[in-house]
């Protein structure tokens, strides 16, 4: 059974799943949902208003980011949540399809990597314009995403 597992692809799936599950589902989706149904002081930062304060606080450090993004927060935040959850959904589909096994195509793993790169690019754009410190790790994640896509393309050719 162990010979059937593709240990080259499993770490990619684990990383993408764990990173976006934490940043999309736990931090944003579950955080906002729990804070909406149980508004306590302990989960105040995870509420819609808490995230608004944090995110727009970053954007407001730059006049350009403030003018472009802050007025549209109520529209952009649900889009951010959706986009950050999408790679996780793609990885779950990849696992259900058995893409962690040898001799399987990696269609949904590739889609998860592409979605991750897209989401990272969008977040990086806003954080770079704002001059926020999150841009630093997002540049690293962008580089990782590019290498990941090149790797997935190279193993699909062989």
Protein backbone atom coordinates (compact mmCIF):
# COMPACT_ATOMS: atom_id res chain seq x y z
CA UNK A 1 0.00 0.00 0.00
CA UNK A 2 2.84 2.41 0.85
CA UNK A 3 4.31 1.95 -2.63
CA UNK A 4 1.14 3.42 -4.09
CA UNK A 5 1.57 6.73 -2.24
CA UNK A 6 3.25 9.54 -4.09
CA UNK A 7 5.39 11.12 -1.38
CA UNK A 8 6.51 13.81 -3.82
CA UNK A 9 2.99 15.24 -4.08
CA UNK A 10 1.73 14.73 -0.50
CA UNK A 11 3.87 17.54 1.09
CA UNK A 12 2.53 19.99 -1.50
CA UNK A 13 -1.04 19.07 -0.68
CA UNK A 14 -0.39 19.22 3.07
CA UNK A 15 1.24 22.66 2.83
CA UNK A 16 -1.45 24.19 0.62
CA UNK A 17 -4.21 22.69 2.72
CA UNK A 18 -2.73 23.70 6.08
CA UNK A 19 -1.74 27.23 5.04
CA UNK A 20 -5.04 28.21 3.44
CA UNK A 21 -7.17 26.25 5.93
CA UNK A 22 -5.61 28.31 8.73
CA UNK A 23 -5.75 31.64 6.86
CA UNK A 24 -9.07 31.13 5.07
CA UNK A 25 -11.32 28.87 7.07
CA UNK A 26 -10.04 29.22 10.64
CA UNK A 27 -8.98 32.87 10.71
CA UNK A 28 -11.63 34.33 8.46
CA UNK A 29 -14.65 32.07 7.90
CA UNK A 30 -14.87 30.36 11.29
CA UNK A 31 -13.57 33.41 13.14
CA UNK A 32 -16.22 35.72 11.70
CA UNK A 33 -18.97 33.09 12.05
CA UNK A 34 -18.16 32.30 15.69
CA UNK A 35 -17.82 35.98 16.56
CA UNK A 36 -21.20 36.67 14.94
CA UNK A 37 -22.98 33.98 16.96
CA UNK A 38 -20.99 34.45 20.17
CA UNK A 39 -19.84 38.06 20.42
CA UNK A 40 -17.48 38.01 23.39
CA UNK A 41 -14.42 40.05 24.21
CA UNK A 42 -12.23 37.00 23.55
CA UNK A 43 -13.21 36.70 19.88
CA UNK A 44 -13.70 40.40 19.18
CA UNK A 45 -10.63 40.48 16.88
CA UNK A 46 -12.04 37.66 14.74
CA UNK A 47 -15.33 39.45 14.17
CA UNK A 48 -16.20 41.33 11.00
CA UNK A 49 -15.41 44.62 12.76
CA UNK A 50 -12.17 43.20 14.18
CA UNK A 51 -10.95 42.14 10.76
CA UNK A 52 -12.12 45.44 9.31
CA UNK A 53 -10.05 47.31 11.86
CA UNK A 54 -6.97 45.17 11.20
CA UNK A 55 -7.18 45.09 7.40
CA UNK A 56 -8.22 48.69 6.83
CA UNK A 57 -5.64 49.72 9.43
CA UNK A 58 -3.01 48.23 7.11
CA UNK A 59 -4.55 49.82 4.05
CA UNK A 60 -4.87 53.21 5.74
CA UNK A 61 -1.09 53.47 6.14
CA UNK A 62 -0.99 54.45 2.48
CA UNK A 63 -3.17 57.14 0.92
CA UNK A 64 -3.38 55.15 -2.31
CA UNK A 65 -4.43 51.91 -0.60
CA UNK A 66 -6.84 53.84 1.62
CA UNK A 67 -8.49 55.44 -1.41
CA UNK A 68 -8.61 52.21 -3.45
CA UNK A 69 -9.49 49.55 -0.91
CA UNK A 70 -10.89 50.92 2.36
CA UNK A 71 -14.20 52.20 0.92
CA UNK A 72 -14.79 48.79 -0.69
CA UNK A 73 -13.98 46.69 2.40
CA UNK A 74 -17.53 45.31 2.76
CA UNK A 75 -17.35 44.03 -0.81
CA UNK A 76 -13.70 42.92 -0.78
CA UNK A 77 -13.68 41.01 2.52
CA UNK A 78 -16.17 38.29 1.48
CA UNK A 79 -14.21 37.91 -1.77
CA UNK A 80 -10.99 37.55 0.25
CA UNK A 81 -12.62 34.88 2.44
CA UNK A 82 -13.90 32.98 -0.60
CA UNK A 83 -10.55 33.15 -2.39
CA UNK A 84 -8.60 32.04 0.69
CA UNK A 85 -10.91 29.03 1.13
CA UNK A 86 -10.75 27.96 -2.53
CA UNK A 87 -7.30 26.25 -2.42
CA UNK A 88 -8.50 24.14 0.53
CA UNK A 89 -11.58 23.02 -1.40
CA UNK A 90 -9.38 22.14 -4.39
CA UNK A 91 -7.03 20.06 -2.21
CA UNK A 92 -9.97 18.22 -0.63
CA UNK A 93 -11.23 17.37 -4.13
CA UNK A 94 -7.68 16.29 -5.10
CA UNK A 95 -7.53 13.96 -2.10
CA UNK A 96 -10.99 12.54 -2.83
CA UNK A 97 -9.84 11.93 -6.43
CA UNK A 98 -6.77 10.07 -5.14
CA UNK A 99 -4.23 12.51 -6.53
CA UNK A 100 -1.83 11.54 -3.75
CA UNK A 101 -1.27 8.17 -5.45
CA UNK A 102 1.29 7.35 -8.14
CA UNK A 103 0.09 7.30 -11.74
CA UNK A 104 -2.67 9.80 -11.06
CA UNK A 105 -3.10 13.13 -12.76
CA UNK A 106 -2.77 16.12 -10.47
CA UNK A 107 -5.49 18.30 -11.96
CA UNK A 108 -6.97 19.61 -8.71
CA UNK A 109 -3.59 19.87 -7.01
CA UNK A 110 -2.50 22.07 -9.95
CA UNK A 111 -5.70 24.09 -9.62
CA UNK A 112 -5.08 24.50 -5.89
CA UNK A 113 -1.54 25.71 -6.59
CA UNK A 114 -2.76 28.12 -9.26
CA UNK A 115 -5.53 29.39 -7.00
CA UNK A 116 -3.03 29.82 -4.17
CA UNK A 117 -0.72 31.81 -6.46
CA UNK A 118 -3.66 33.95 -7.60
CA UNK A 119 -4.84 34.65 -4.04
CA UNK A 120 -1.28 35.40 -2.91
CA UNK A 121 -0.86 37.82 -5.82
CA UNK A 122 -4.04 39.69 -4.95
CA UNK A 123 -3.12 39.94 -1.28
CA UNK A 124 0.43 40.93 -2.17
CA UNK A 125 -0.84 43.67 -4.47
CA UNK A 126 -2.94 45.26 -1.73
CA UNK A 127 -0.29 44.81 0.97
CA UNK A 128 2.50 46.19 -1.21
CA UNK A 129 0.49 49.27 -2.10
CA UNK A 130 -0.27 49.73 1.60
CA UNK A 131 3.34 49.11 2.62
CA UNK A 132 2.11 46.55 5.17
CA UNK A 133 4.44 44.08 6.87
CA UNK A 134 2.36 41.12 5.58
CA UNK A 135 3.88 41.80 2.18
CA UNK A 136 7.15 40.31 3.37
CA UNK A 137 5.86 36.76 3.89
CA UNK A 138 3.55 37.08 0.87
CA UNK A 139 6.58 37.66 -1.40
CA UNK A 140 8.04 34.42 -0.06
CA UNK A 141 4.74 32.62 -0.58
CA UNK A 142 4.54 34.00 -4.12
CA UNK A 143 8.00 32.60 -4.88
CA UNK A 144 7.04 29.26 -3.36
CA UNK A 145 3.85 29.24 -5.45
CA UNK A 146 5.79 29.83 -8.66
CA UNK A 147 8.25 27.04 -7.87
CA UNK A 148 5.34 24.79 -6.91
CA UNK A 149 3.59 25.31 -10.24
CA UNK A 150 6.83 24.70 -12.16
CA UNK A 151 7.37 21.51 -10.15
CA UNK A 152 3.84 20.27 -10.79
CA UNK A 153 4.23 20.93 -14.50
CA UNK A 154 7.57 19.12 -14.61
CA UNK A 155 6.27 15.98 -12.89
CA UNK A 156 3.22 15.85 -15.12
CA UNK A 157 5.50 15.71 -18.21
CA UNK A 158 7.54 12.80 -16.92
